[in-house]
């Protein structure tokens, strides 16, 4: 298990200062003027029986995630939904994990549903001990938990061992827009989880940037992932065109997402980051069986990509393209939830 933090790929302080300025301008009007309410906790549920839109999904361990000045990339859909409904997304409220309720939801899932994704409108890294409890219950049902996380907090050593024992897959989102400290923690977390025997998948949140320094930083991040033999995945960042942060993009090399009108670039690194994003896999996905990129069966990987993120070449060819159906569905923030 690594003891030293990894080197930050492609760090350019000036480019990141511009990123921070544009993100700050994008979030400035996100929270309404009226007083914001803290949400009431809910019970953690799974699948359609639990009121969720998909059988491969669990509700989050918390409601809320980050305050308005820290919202990821200036355009988090969950934050905008919460703030727009009058809830303070920066107040984290721990949801109730009732083992009996969750077991009943899991028992009602189709037999062919082999994984549960956690990390929808918040992040498991705010409560890794609760994440271990969730993973244990999912494993008890014969399934795999896939945590999609920004790894805001490192996993305590005893919890790390428990998550590995539960067969949980860790998917950590990283980006050229991340700060050096964020990347050190996220990349270090990936190596630590693999070092403990777990499956760790970096997910590069990519785009085509107008600033070549960000493009080089993104390439360096992909080089770091492949150089460490990690089985990487890729998702395309989506930017509402009216937000100042959209100025980061090379508008001649991005497309328009159907429905929302968001700007996005599609997958840029399909060969180097071959693992399908979790919103693209079928219900029968039972977790990645390899811990190293050099071990993967690419034909099997390709067979799992039933609703893939479009490749960059398809996006820039013109026309409006849809995101994967199981991507970006926000919870309903309403009074009493």
C-alpha atoms as a PDB file:
ATOM      1  CA  UNK A   1       0.000   0.000   0.000  1.00  0.00           C
ATOM      2  CA  UNK A   2       1.518   3.394  -0.973  1.00  0.00           C
ATOM      3  CA  UNK A   3       2.706   5.642   1.841  1.00  0.00           C
ATOM      4  CA  UNK A   4       3.622   8.767  -0.158  1.00  0.00           C
ATOM      5  CA  UNK A   5       1.057  10.893  -2.038  1.00  0.00           C
ATOM      6  CA  UNK A   6       1.282  10.559  -5.818  1.00  0.00           C
ATOM      7  CA  UNK A   7       2.731  13.334  -7.940  1.00  0.00           C
ATOM      8  CA  UNK A   8       0.038  15.597  -9.389  1.00  0.00           C
ATOM      9  CA  UNK A   9      -0.132  15.171 -13.178  1.00  0.00           C
ATOM     10  CA  UNK A  10       0.291  18.293 -15.287  1.00  0.00           C
ATOM     11  CA  UNK A  11      -0.158  20.902 -12.539  1.00  0.00           C
ATOM     12  CA  UNK A  12      -0.422  24.469 -13.901  1.00  0.00           C
ATOM     13  CA  UNK A  13      -1.325  27.038 -11.209  1.00  0.00           C
ATOM     14  CA  UNK A  14      -2.331  29.802 -13.647  1.00  0.00           C
ATOM     15  CA  UNK A  15      -4.733  27.579 -15.585  1.00  0.00           C
ATOM     16  CA  UNK A  16      -6.362  26.382 -12.366  1.00  0.00           C
ATOM     17  CA  UNK A  17      -6.811  29.970 -11.133  1.00  0.00           C
ATOM     18  CA  UNK A  18      -8.883  30.677 -14.233  1.00  0.00           C
ATOM     19  CA  UNK A  19     -10.906  27.511 -13.590  1.00  0.00           C
ATOM     20  CA  UNK A  20     -11.658  28.589 -10.026  1.00  0.00           C
ATOM     21  CA  UNK A  21     -12.721  32.072 -11.159  1.00  0.00           C
ATOM     22  CA  UNK A  22     -15.134  30.738 -13.782  1.00  0.00           C
ATOM     23  CA  UNK A  23     -16.561  28.127 -11.394  1.00  0.00           C
ATOM     24  CA  UNK A  24     -17.144  30.837  -8.785  1.00  0.00           C
ATOM     25  CA  UNK A  25     -18.999  33.016 -11.315  1.00  0.00           C
ATOM     26  CA  UNK A  26     -21.076  29.997 -12.387  1.00  0.00           C
ATOM     27  CA  UNK A  27     -22.224  29.212  -8.851  1.00  0.00           C
ATOM     28  CA  UNK A  28     -22.827  32.826  -7.802  1.00  0.00           C
ATOM     29  CA  UNK A  29     -26.530  32.746  -8.692  1.00  0.00           C
ATOM     30  CA  UNK A  30     -27.193  29.107  -7.902  1.00  0.00           C
ATOM     31  CA  UNK A  31     -28.689  29.573  -4.431  1.00  0.00           C
ATOM     32  CA  UNK A  32     -31.926  31.561  -4.337  1.00  0.00           C
ATOM     33  CA  UNK A  33     -32.245  34.693  -2.227  1.00  0.00           C
ATOM     34  CA  UNK A  34     -34.901  33.214   0.051  1.00  0.00           C
ATOM     35  CA  UNK A  35     -33.759  31.381   3.223  1.00  0.00           C
ATOM     36  CA  UNK A  36     -32.671  27.809   2.562  1.00  0.00           C
ATOM     37  CA  UNK A  37     -33.935  24.835   4.531  1.00  0.00           C
ATOM     38  CA  UNK A  38     -32.020  21.794   5.706  1.00  0.00           C
ATOM     39  CA  UNK A  39     -33.617  18.612   4.325  1.00  0.00           C
ATOM     40  CA  UNK A  40     -35.186  16.000   6.558  1.00  0.00           C
ATOM     41  CA  UNK A  41     -33.400  12.617   6.474  1.00  0.00           C
ATOM     42  CA  UNK A  42     -34.953   9.746   4.553  1.00  0.00           C
ATOM     43  CA  UNK A  43     -34.549   5.975   4.700  1.00  0.00           C
ATOM     44  CA  UNK A  44     -31.930   4.518   2.357  1.00  0.00           C
ATOM     45  CA  UNK A  45     -33.708   2.455  -0.295  1.00  0.00           C
ATOM     46  CA  UNK A  46     -32.773   0.349  -3.320  1.00  0.00           C
ATOM     47  CA  UNK A  47     -34.293  -0.155  -6.760  1.00  0.00           C
ATOM     48  CA  UNK A  48     -37.761   0.564  -8.048  1.00  0.00           C
ATOM     49  CA  UNK A  49     -39.397  -0.992  -5.004  1.00  0.00           C
ATOM     50  CA  UNK A  50     -37.642   1.685  -2.984  1.00  0.00           C
ATOM     51  CA  UNK A  51     -39.042   4.441  -5.199  1.00  0.00           C
ATOM     52  CA  UNK A  52     -35.866   4.957  -7.236  1.00  0.00           C
ATOM     53  CA  UNK A  53     -35.905   5.316 -11.029  1.00  0.00           C
ATOM     54  CA  UNK A  54     -33.681   2.264 -11.681  1.00  0.00           C
ATOM     55  CA  UNK A  55     -33.175  -1.156 -10.111  1.00  0.00           C
ATOM     56  CA  UNK A  56     -29.402  -0.663 -10.194  1.00  0.00           C
ATOM     57  CA  UNK A  57     -29.479   2.316  -7.824  1.00  0.00           C
ATOM     58  CA  UNK A  58     -29.542   2.963  -4.079  1.00  0.00           C
ATOM     59  CA  UNK A  59     -30.376   6.262  -2.462  1.00  0.00           C
ATOM     60  CA  UNK A  60     -27.490   8.161  -0.898  1.00  0.00           C
ATOM     61  CA  UNK A  61     -26.200   7.835   2.634  1.00  0.00           C
ATOM     62  CA  UNK A  62     -26.619  11.616   2.990  1.00  0.00           C
ATOM     63  CA  UNK A  63     -28.817  14.355   1.646  1.00  0.00           C
ATOM     64  CA  UNK A  64     -26.710  17.328   0.597  1.00  0.00           C
ATOM     65  CA  UNK A  65     -23.051  17.444  -0.332  1.00  0.00           C
ATOM     66  CA  UNK A  66     -21.204  20.750  -0.839  1.00  0.00           C
ATOM     67  CA  UNK A  67     -21.940  24.440  -0.225  1.00  0.00           C
ATOM     68  CA  UNK A  68     -22.670  26.662  -3.186  1.00  0.00           C
ATOM     69  CA  UNK A  69     -19.122  28.059  -3.434  1.00  0.00           C
ATOM     70  CA  UNK A  70     -17.665  24.537  -3.715  1.00  0.00           C
ATOM     71  CA  UNK A  71     -20.117  22.846  -6.103  1.00  0.00           C
ATOM     72  CA  UNK A  72     -18.241  20.583  -8.507  1.00  0.00           C
ATOM     73  CA  UNK A  73     -17.303  22.262 -11.798  1.00  0.00           C
ATOM     74  CA  UNK A  74     -19.898  24.987 -11.235  1.00  0.00           C
ATOM     75  CA  UNK A  75     -22.750  22.963 -12.687  1.00  0.00           C
ATOM     76  CA  UNK A  76     -23.708  19.993 -10.472  1.00  0.00           C
ATOM     77  CA  UNK A  77     -27.266  19.035 -11.449  1.00  0.00           C
ATOM     78  CA  UNK A  78     -28.088  17.735  -7.951  1.00  0.00           C
ATOM     79  CA  UNK A  79     -26.960  21.016  -6.356  1.00  0.00           C
ATOM     80  CA  UNK A  80     -28.990  23.105  -8.770  1.00  0.00           C
ATOM     81  CA  UNK A  81     -32.077  20.991  -8.144  1.00  0.00           C
ATOM     82  CA  UNK A  82     -31.679  21.261  -4.371  1.00  0.00           C
ATOM     83  CA  UNK A  83     -30.974  24.985  -4.255  1.00  0.00           C
ATOM     84  CA  UNK A  84     -33.769  25.645  -6.737  1.00  0.00           C
ATOM     85  CA  UNK A  85     -36.204  23.846  -4.440  1.00  0.00           C
ATOM     86  CA  UNK A  86     -35.075  25.888  -1.447  1.00  0.00           C
ATOM     87  CA  UNK A  87     -32.851  23.276   0.212  1.00  0.00           C
ATOM     88  CA  UNK A  88     -29.297  23.954   1.327  1.00  0.00           C
ATOM     89  CA  UNK A  89     -27.155  21.468  -0.573  1.00  0.00           C
ATOM     90  CA  UNK A  90     -24.230  22.431   1.644  1.00  0.00           C
ATOM     91  CA  UNK A  91     -25.915  20.968   4.734  1.00  0.00           C
ATOM     92  CA  UNK A  92     -25.268  17.226   4.901  1.00  0.00           C
ATOM     93  CA  UNK A  93     -27.970  15.252   6.685  1.00  0.00           C
ATOM     94  CA  UNK A  94     -27.298  11.577   7.378  1.00  0.00           C
ATOM     95  CA  UNK A  95     -30.031   9.310   6.043  1.00  0.00           C
ATOM     96  CA  UNK A  96     -31.332   6.294   7.970  1.00  0.00           C
ATOM     97  CA  UNK A  97     -29.889   2.932   6.960  1.00  0.00           C
ATOM     98  CA  UNK A  98     -32.514   0.445   8.137  1.00  0.00           C
ATOM     99  CA  UNK A  99     -31.161  -3.054   7.453  1.00  0.00           C
ATOM    100  CA  UNK A 100     -34.598  -4.680   7.319  1.00  0.00           C
ATOM    101  CA  UNK A 101     -35.989  -2.112   4.860  1.00  0.00           C
ATOM    102  CA  UNK A 102     -32.944  -2.397   2.622  1.00  0.00           C
ATOM    103  CA  UNK A 103     -33.011  -6.212   2.734  1.00  0.00           C
ATOM    104  CA  UNK A 104     -36.651  -6.165   1.594  1.00  0.00           C
ATOM    105  CA  UNK A 105     -35.783  -3.846  -1.308  1.00  0.00           C
ATOM    106  CA  UNK A 106     -32.858  -6.055  -2.301  1.00  0.00           C
ATOM    107  CA  UNK A 107     -35.010  -9.189  -2.148  1.00  0.00           C
ATOM    108  CA  UNK A 108     -37.476  -7.561  -4.545  1.00  0.00           C
ATOM    109  CA  UNK A 109     -34.852  -6.813  -7.209  1.00  0.00           C
ATOM    110  CA  UNK A 110     -34.876  -8.852 -10.415  1.00  0.00           C
ATOM    111  CA  UNK A 111     -32.597 -11.862 -10.180  1.00  0.00           C
ATOM    112  CA  UNK A 112     -30.568 -10.515 -13.097  1.00  0.00           C
ATOM    113  CA  UNK A 113     -29.695  -7.276 -11.286  1.00  0.00           C
ATOM    114  CA  UNK A 114     -26.187  -8.033 -10.047  1.00  0.00           C
ATOM    115  CA  UNK A 115     -24.933  -4.611  -8.922  1.00  0.00           C
ATOM    116  CA  UNK A 116     -26.144  -1.565  -6.989  1.00  0.00           C
ATOM    117  CA  UNK A 117     -24.714   1.877  -7.652  1.00  0.00           C
ATOM    118  CA  UNK A 118     -24.291   4.311  -4.762  1.00  0.00           C
ATOM    119  CA  UNK A 119     -23.376   7.937  -5.430  1.00  0.00           C
ATOM    120  CA  UNK A 120     -26.332   9.681  -7.007  1.00  0.00           C
ATOM    121  CA  UNK A 121     -26.896  13.123  -5.474  1.00  0.00           C
ATOM    122  CA  UNK A 122     -24.287  12.956  -2.708  1.00  0.00           C
ATOM    123  CA  UNK A 123     -21.111  11.022  -1.933  1.00  0.00           C
ATOM    124  CA  UNK A 124     -20.335   7.914   0.118  1.00  0.00           C
ATOM    125  CA  UNK A 125     -17.022   9.413   1.218  1.00  0.00           C
ATOM    126  CA  UNK A 126     -18.857  11.571   3.764  1.00  0.00           C
ATOM    127  CA  UNK A 127     -19.658   8.338   5.640  1.00  0.00           C
ATOM    128  CA  UNK A 128     -17.371   5.447   4.769  1.00  0.00           C
ATOM    129  CA  UNK A 129     -18.532   3.426   7.782  1.00  0.00           C
ATOM    130  CA  UNK A 130     -22.109   3.665   6.585  1.00  0.00           C
ATOM    131  CA  UNK A 131     -20.848   2.724   3.116  1.00  0.00           C
ATOM    132  CA  UNK A 132     -19.337  -0.450   4.537  1.00  0.00           C
ATOM    133  CA  UNK A 133     -22.641  -1.339   6.211  1.00  0.00           C
ATOM    134  CA  UNK A 134     -24.469  -0.771   2.927  1.00  0.00           C
ATOM    135  CA  UNK A 135     -21.918  -2.868   1.000  1.00  0.00           C
ATOM    136  CA  UNK A 136     -22.236  -5.715   3.499  1.00  0.00           C
ATOM    137  CA  UNK A 137     -26.024  -5.800   3.051  1.00  0.00           C
ATOM    138  CA  UNK A 138     -25.710  -5.716  -0.741  1.00  0.00           C
ATOM    139  CA  UNK A 139     -23.121  -8.514  -0.640  1.00  0.00           C
ATOM    140  CA  UNK A 140     -25.443 -10.521   1.645  1.00  0.00           C
ATOM    141  CA  UNK A 141     -28.008 -10.367  -1.202  1.00  0.00           C
ATOM    142  CA  UNK A 142     -25.417 -11.819  -3.614  1.00  0.00           C
ATOM    143  CA  UNK A 143     -24.660  -8.537  -5.380  1.00  0.00           C
ATOM    144  CA  UNK A 144     -21.852  -6.021  -5.776  1.00  0.00           C
ATOM    145  CA  UNK A 145     -21.893  -2.388  -4.634  1.00  0.00           C
ATOM    146  CA  UNK A 146     -20.292   0.138  -6.972  1.00  0.00           C
ATOM    147  CA  UNK A 147     -19.411   3.368  -5.192  1.00  0.00           C
ATOM    148  CA  UNK A 148     -19.152   6.391  -7.496  1.00  0.00           C
ATOM    149  CA  UNK A 149     -17.265   8.950  -5.437  1.00  0.00           C
ATOM    150  CA  UNK A 150     -15.129  12.081  -5.439  1.00  0.00           C
ATOM    151  CA  UNK A 151     -13.261  10.621  -2.448  1.00  0.00           C
ATOM    152  CA  UNK A 152     -13.603  13.768  -0.328  1.00  0.00           C
ATOM    153  CA  UNK A 153     -12.342  11.831   2.709  1.00  0.00           C
ATOM    154  CA  UNK A 154      -9.874   8.913   2.779  1.00  0.00           C
ATOM    155  CA  UNK A 155     -11.195   5.515   3.831  1.00  0.00           C
ATOM    156  CA  UNK A 156     -10.181   4.489   7.385  1.00  0.00           C
ATOM    157  CA  UNK A 157      -7.967   1.364   7.312  1.00  0.00           C
ATOM    158  CA  UNK A 158     -10.463  -0.922   9.062  1.00  0.00           C
ATOM    159  CA  UNK A 159     -13.269   0.240   6.768  1.00  0.00           C
ATOM    160  CA  UNK A 160     -11.012  -0.227   3.742  1.00  0.00           C
ATOM    161  CA  UNK A 161     -10.557  -3.898   4.602  1.00  0.00           C
ATOM    162  CA  UNK A 162     -14.293  -4.317   5.134  1.00  0.00           C
ATOM    163  CA  UNK A 163     -15.205  -2.754   1.791  1.00  0.00           C
ATOM    164  CA  UNK A 164     -12.724  -5.017   0.008  1.00  0.00           C
ATOM    165  CA  UNK A 165     -14.131  -8.060   1.838  1.00  0.00           C
ATOM    166  CA  UNK A 166     -17.634  -7.024   0.742  1.00  0.00           C
ATOM    167  CA  UNK A 167     -16.480  -6.986  -2.888  1.00  0.00           C
ATOM    168  CA  UNK A 168     -17.282  -3.300  -3.316  1.00  0.00           C
ATOM    169  CA  UNK A 169     -15.978  -1.629  -6.465  1.00  0.00           C
ATOM    170  CA  UNK A 170     -14.585   1.889  -6.010  1.00  0.00           C
ATOM    171  CA  UNK A 171     -15.014   4.305  -8.916  1.00  0.00           C
ATOM    172  CA  UNK A 172     -13.289   7.613  -8.200  1.00  0.00           C
ATOM    173  CA  UNK A 173     -14.065  10.601 -10.436  1.00  0.00           C
ATOM    174  CA  UNK A 174     -11.051  12.719 -11.423  1.00  0.00           C
ATOM    175  CA  UNK A 175     -10.668  15.670 -13.765  1.00  0.00           C
ATOM    176  CA  UNK A 176      -8.185  18.152 -15.199  1.00  0.00           C
ATOM    177  CA  UNK A 177     -10.229  20.755 -13.277  1.00  0.00           C
ATOM    178  CA  UNK A 178      -9.400  19.192  -9.881  1.00  0.00           C
ATOM    179  CA  UNK A 179      -6.995  20.959  -7.537  1.00  0.00           C
ATOM    180  CA  UNK A 180      -3.612  19.363  -6.742  1.00  0.00           C
ATOM    181  CA  UNK A 181      -4.840  18.435  -3.266  1.00  0.00           C
ATOM    182  CA  UNK A 182      -7.971  16.810  -4.641  1.00  0.00           C
ATOM    183  CA  UNK A 183      -5.987  14.794  -7.177  1.00  0.00           C
ATOM    184  CA  UNK A 184      -3.440  13.657  -4.605  1.00  0.00           C
ATOM    185  CA  UNK A 185      -6.221  12.378  -2.364  1.00  0.00           C
ATOM    186  CA  UNK A 186      -8.220  10.759  -5.166  1.00  0.00           C
ATOM    187  CA  UNK A 187      -5.315   9.107  -6.934  1.00  0.00           C
ATOM    188  CA  UNK A 188      -3.823   8.002  -3.630  1.00  0.00           C
ATOM    189  CA  UNK A 189      -7.181   6.536  -2.631  1.00  0.00           C
ATOM    190  CA  UNK A 190      -7.310   4.498  -5.829  1.00  0.00           C
ATOM    191  CA  UNK A 191      -3.862   3.036  -5.209  1.00  0.00           C
ATOM    192  CA  UNK A 192      -4.646   2.334  -1.557  1.00  0.00           C
ATOM    193  CA  UNK A 193      -7.859   0.503  -2.408  1.00  0.00           C
ATOM    194  CA  UNK A 194      -6.152  -1.635  -5.036  1.00  0.00           C
ATOM    195  CA  UNK A 195      -3.242  -2.221  -2.690  1.00  0.00           C
ATOM    196  CA  UNK A 196      -5.687  -3.604  -0.120  1.00  0.00           C
ATOM    197  CA  UNK A 197      -7.005  -6.077  -2.694  1.00  0.00           C
ATOM    198  CA  UNK A 198      -9.979  -4.119  -4.041  1.00  0.00           C
ATOM    199  CA  UNK A 199     -11.063  -3.104  -7.532  1.00  0.00           C
ATOM    200  CA  UNK A 200     -10.370   0.613  -8.052  1.00  0.00           C
ATOM    201  CA  UNK A 201     -11.490   2.363 -11.249  1.00  0.00           C
ATOM    202  CA  UNK A 202     -10.523   5.970 -11.976  1.00  0.00           C
ATOM    203  CA  UNK A 203     -13.241   7.720 -13.994  1.00  0.00           C
ATOM    204  CA  UNK A 204     -11.852  10.641 -15.983  1.00  0.00           C
ATOM    205  CA  UNK A 205     -14.459  13.385 -16.324  1.00  0.00           C
ATOM    206  CA  UNK A 206     -13.201  14.721 -19.632  1.00  0.00           C
ATOM    207  CA  UNK A 207     -13.810  17.486 -22.147  1.00  0.00           C
ATOM    208  CA  UNK A 208     -12.192  19.459 -24.949  1.00  0.00           C
ATOM    209  CA  UNK A 209     -10.740  22.625 -23.473  1.00  0.00           C
ATOM    210  CA  UNK A 210      -9.954  25.928 -25.132  1.00  0.00           C
ATOM    211  CA  UNK A 211      -6.903  26.320 -22.887  1.00  0.00           C
ATOM    212  CA  UNK A 212      -4.194  23.940 -24.082  1.00  0.00           C
ATOM    213  CA  UNK A 213      -2.791  23.776 -20.550  1.00  0.00           C
ATOM    214  CA  UNK A 214      -5.963  22.025 -19.361  1.00  0.00           C
ATOM    215  CA  UNK A 215      -5.804  19.673 -22.330  1.00  0.00           C
ATOM    216  CA  UNK A 216      -2.206  18.777 -21.467  1.00  0.00           C
ATOM    217  CA  UNK A 217      -3.173  18.288 -17.831  1.00  0.00           C
ATOM    218  CA  UNK A 218      -5.966  15.935 -18.877  1.00  0.00           C
ATOM    219  CA  UNK A 219      -3.584  13.964 -21.095  1.00  0.00           C
ATOM    220  CA  UNK A 220      -1.091  13.771 -18.210  1.00  0.00           C
ATOM    221  CA  UNK A 221      -3.834  12.451 -15.932  1.00  0.00           C
ATOM    222  CA  UNK A 222      -4.644   9.689 -18.428  1.00  0.00           C
ATOM    223  CA  UNK A 223      -0.910   8.940 -18.728  1.00  0.00           C
ATOM    224  CA  UNK A 224      -0.716   8.603 -14.930  1.00  0.00           C
ATOM    225  CA  UNK A 225      -3.666   6.183 -14.858  1.00  0.00           C
ATOM    226  CA  UNK A 226      -2.351   3.948 -17.614  1.00  0.00           C
ATOM    227  CA  UNK A 227       1.183   4.192 -16.252  1.00  0.00           C
ATOM    228  CA  UNK A 228      -0.076   2.800 -12.934  1.00  0.00           C
ATOM    229  CA  UNK A 229      -1.909   0.002 -14.768  1.00  0.00           C
ATOM    230  CA  UNK A 230      -5.301   1.066 -13.407  1.00  0.00           C
ATOM    231  CA  UNK A 231      -8.401  -0.004 -15.363  1.00  0.00           C
ATOM    232  CA  UNK A 232      -9.787   3.422 -16.229  1.00  0.00           C
ATOM    233  CA  UNK A 233     -13.190   4.611 -17.396  1.00  0.00           C
ATOM    234  CA  UNK A 234     -14.293   7.916 -18.924  1.00  0.00           C
ATOM    235  CA  UNK A 235     -17.353  10.109 -18.762  1.00  0.00           C
ATOM    236  CA  UNK A 236     -17.949  13.372 -20.584  1.00  0.00           C
ATOM    237  CA  UNK A 237     -18.490  16.486 -18.475  1.00  0.00           C
ATOM    238  CA  UNK A 238     -21.678  18.369 -19.312  1.00  0.00           C
ATOM    239  CA  UNK A 239     -21.742  22.161 -19.118  1.00  0.00           C
ATOM    240  CA  UNK A 240     -24.908  24.275 -19.442  1.00  0.00           C
ATOM    241  CA  UNK A 241     -23.983  26.760 -22.196  1.00  0.00           C
ATOM    242  CA  UNK A 242     -25.204  29.811 -20.257  1.00  0.00           C
ATOM    243  CA  UNK A 243     -22.792  29.283 -17.352  1.00  0.00           C
ATOM    244  CA  UNK A 244     -19.465  31.186 -17.318  1.00  0.00           C
ATOM    245  CA  UNK A 245     -17.631  27.878 -16.787  1.00  0.00           C
ATOM    246  CA  UNK A 246     -18.629  26.891 -20.347  1.00  0.00           C
ATOM    247  CA  UNK A 247     -15.963  29.354 -21.530  1.00  0.00           C
ATOM    248  CA  UNK A 248     -13.398  26.690 -20.622  1.00  0.00           C
ATOM    249  CA  UNK A 249     -14.507  24.583 -23.584  1.00  0.00           C
ATOM    250  CA  UNK A 250     -13.336  24.623 -27.174  1.00  0.00           C
ATOM    251  CA  UNK A 251     -16.755  25.295 -28.666  1.00  0.00           C
ATOM    252  CA  UNK A 252     -15.637  24.095 -32.089  1.00  0.00           C
ATOM    253  CA  UNK A 253     -14.906  20.635 -30.671  1.00  0.00           C
ATOM    254  CA  UNK A 254     -17.934  19.954 -28.470  1.00  0.00           C
ATOM    255  CA  UNK A 255     -21.498  18.968 -29.263  1.00  0.00           C
ATOM    256  CA  UNK A 256     -24.949  19.632 -27.841  1.00  0.00           C
ATOM    257  CA  UNK A 257     -26.658  17.134 -25.566  1.00  0.00           C
ATOM    258  CA  UNK A 258     -30.222  16.363 -26.531  1.00  0.00           C
ATOM    259  CA  UNK A 259     -32.864  17.448 -24.041  1.00  0.00           C
ATOM    260  CA  UNK A 260     -30.754  19.731 -21.848  1.00  0.00           C
ATOM    261  CA  UNK A 261     -28.739  21.571 -24.493  1.00  0.00           C
ATOM    262  CA  UNK A 262     -25.592  21.007 -22.404  1.00  0.00           C
ATOM    263  CA  UNK A 263     -22.220  21.163 -24.121  1.00  0.00           C
ATOM    264  CA  UNK A 264     -20.163  17.992 -24.041  1.00  0.00           C
ATOM    265  CA  UNK A 265     -17.316  16.340 -25.925  1.00  0.00           C
ATOM    266  CA  UNK A 266     -18.057  12.609 -25.690  1.00  0.00           C
ATOM    267  CA  UNK A 267     -15.391  10.003 -24.946  1.00  0.00           C
ATOM    268  CA  UNK A 268     -11.886  11.046 -25.964  1.00  0.00           C
ATOM    269  CA  UNK A 269      -9.809   8.126 -24.641  1.00  0.00           C
ATOM    270  CA  UNK A 270     -11.784   5.026 -25.601  1.00  0.00           C
ATOM    271  CA  UNK A 271      -8.725   2.826 -26.143  1.00  0.00           C
ATOM    272  CA  UNK A 272      -6.790   3.991 -23.092  1.00  0.00           C
ATOM    273  CA  UNK A 273      -9.770   4.131 -20.711  1.00  0.00           C
ATOM    274  CA  UNK A 274     -11.768   1.114 -21.883  1.00  0.00           C
ATOM    275  CA  UNK A 275     -13.951   0.344 -18.822  1.00  0.00           C
ATOM    276  CA  UNK A 276     -17.585   1.337 -19.512  1.00  0.00           C
ATOM    277  CA  UNK A 277     -18.941   4.027 -17.222  1.00  0.00           C
ATOM    278  CA  UNK A 278     -21.339   2.520 -14.675  1.00  0.00           C
ATOM    279  CA  UNK A 279     -24.409   4.169 -16.242  1.00  0.00           C
ATOM    280  CA  UNK A 280     -23.657   2.260 -19.448  1.00  0.00           C
ATOM    281  CA  UNK A 281     -23.490  -1.322 -18.156  1.00  0.00           C
ATOM    282  CA  UNK A 282     -26.312  -3.914 -18.085  1.00  0.00           C
ATOM    283  CA  UNK A 283     -28.012  -5.086 -14.905  1.00  0.00           C
ATOM    284  CA  UNK A 284     -26.069  -8.332 -15.100  1.00  0.00           C
ATOM    285  CA  UNK A 285     -22.762  -6.550 -14.470  1.00  0.00           C
ATOM    286  CA  UNK A 286     -21.341  -8.156 -11.327  1.00  0.00           C
ATOM    287  CA  UNK A 287     -18.277  -5.982 -10.815  1.00  0.00           C
ATOM    288  CA  UNK A 288     -14.979  -5.716 -12.626  1.00  0.00           C
ATOM    289  CA  UNK A 289     -13.024  -8.987 -12.237  1.00  0.00           C
ATOM    290  CA  UNK A 290      -9.628  -7.347 -12.871  1.00  0.00           C
ATOM    291  CA  UNK A 291      -7.572  -4.948 -10.770  1.00  0.00           C
ATOM    292  CA  UNK A 292      -5.073  -3.997 -13.498  1.00  0.00           C
ATOM    293  CA  UNK A 293      -5.523  -2.570 -16.979  1.00  0.00           C
ATOM    294  CA  UNK A 294      -3.064  -5.112 -18.365  1.00  0.00           C
ATOM    295  CA  UNK A 295      -5.384  -7.942 -17.275  1.00  0.00           C
ATOM    296  CA  UNK A 296      -8.653  -6.794 -18.867  1.00  0.00           C
ATOM    297  CA  UNK A 297     -10.478  -8.716 -21.562  1.00  0.00           C
ATOM    298  CA  UNK A 298     -11.397  -5.904 -23.953  1.00  0.00           C
ATOM    299  CA  UNK A 299     -13.957  -7.951 -25.831  1.00  0.00           C
ATOM    300  CA  UNK A 300     -15.790  -8.668 -22.592  1.00  0.00           C
ATOM    301  CA  UNK A 301     -15.576  -4.998 -21.624  1.00  0.00           C
ATOM    302  CA  UNK A 302     -17.077  -3.995 -24.957  1.00  0.00           C
ATOM    303  CA  UNK A 303     -19.951  -6.440 -24.477  1.00  0.00           C
ATOM    304  CA  UNK A 304     -20.893  -4.661 -21.229  1.00  0.00           C
ATOM    305  CA  UNK A 305     -21.229  -1.235 -22.873  1.00  0.00           C
ATOM    306  CA  UNK A 306     -24.927  -1.533 -23.695  1.00  0.00           C
ATOM    307  CA  UNK A 307     -25.665   2.218 -23.473  1.00  0.00           C
ATOM    308  CA  UNK A 308     -22.250   3.839 -23.876  1.00  0.00           C
ATOM    309  CA  UNK A 309     -21.255   7.464 -23.705  1.00  0.00           C
ATOM    310  CA  UNK A 310     -20.871   8.558 -27.320  1.00  0.00           C
ATOM    311  CA  UNK A 311     -17.370   8.762 -28.775  1.00  0.00           C
ATOM    312  CA  UNK A 312     -15.972  12.203 -29.520  1.00  0.00           C
ATOM    313  CA  UNK A 313     -16.040  11.522 -33.257  1.00  0.00           C
ATOM    314  CA  UNK A 314     -19.796  10.899 -33.116  1.00  0.00           C
ATOM    315  CA  UNK A 315     -20.382  14.067 -31.124  1.00  0.00           C
ATOM    316  CA  UNK A 316     -18.507  16.412 -33.446  1.00  0.00           C
ATOM    317  CA  UNK A 317     -20.104  14.825 -36.526  1.00  0.00           C
ATOM    318  CA  UNK A 318     -23.185  16.934 -35.764  1.00  0.00           C
ATOM    319  CA  UNK A 319     -26.685  16.398 -34.514  1.00  0.00           C
ATOM    320  CA  UNK A 320     -28.036  16.228 -30.983  1.00  0.00           C
ATOM    321  CA  UNK A 321     -27.073  13.140 -29.022  1.00  0.00           C
ATOM    322  CA  UNK A 322     -28.522  11.582 -25.871  1.00  0.00           C
ATOM    323  CA  UNK A 323     -26.687  10.746 -22.664  1.00  0.00           C
ATOM    324  CA  UNK A 324     -27.007   7.221 -21.225  1.00  0.00           C
ATOM    325  CA  UNK A 325     -30.535   6.714 -19.886  1.00  0.00           C
ATOM    326  CA  UNK A 326     -29.370   5.958 -16.330  1.00  0.00           C
ATOM    327  CA  UNK A 327     -27.210   9.077 -16.052  1.00  0.00           C
ATOM    328  CA  UNK A 328     -27.989  12.298 -14.217  1.00  0.00           C
ATOM    329  CA  UNK A 329     -31.482  11.738 -12.829  1.00  0.00           C
ATOM    330  CA  UNK A 330     -31.848  13.950  -9.793  1.00  0.00           C
ATOM    331  CA  UNK A 331     -33.893  13.109  -6.700  1.00  0.00           C
ATOM    332  CA  UNK A 332     -37.018  15.150  -6.108  1.00  0.00           C
ATOM    333  CA  UNK A 333     -36.327  17.841  -3.505  1.00  0.00           C
ATOM    334  CA  UNK A 334     -39.715  18.679  -2.058  1.00  0.00           C
ATOM    335  CA  UNK A 335     -41.047  19.818   1.300  1.00  0.00           C
ATOM    336  CA  UNK A 336     -40.977  17.050   3.866  1.00  0.00           C
ATOM    337  CA  UNK A 337     -38.328  14.921   2.143  1.00  0.00           C
END
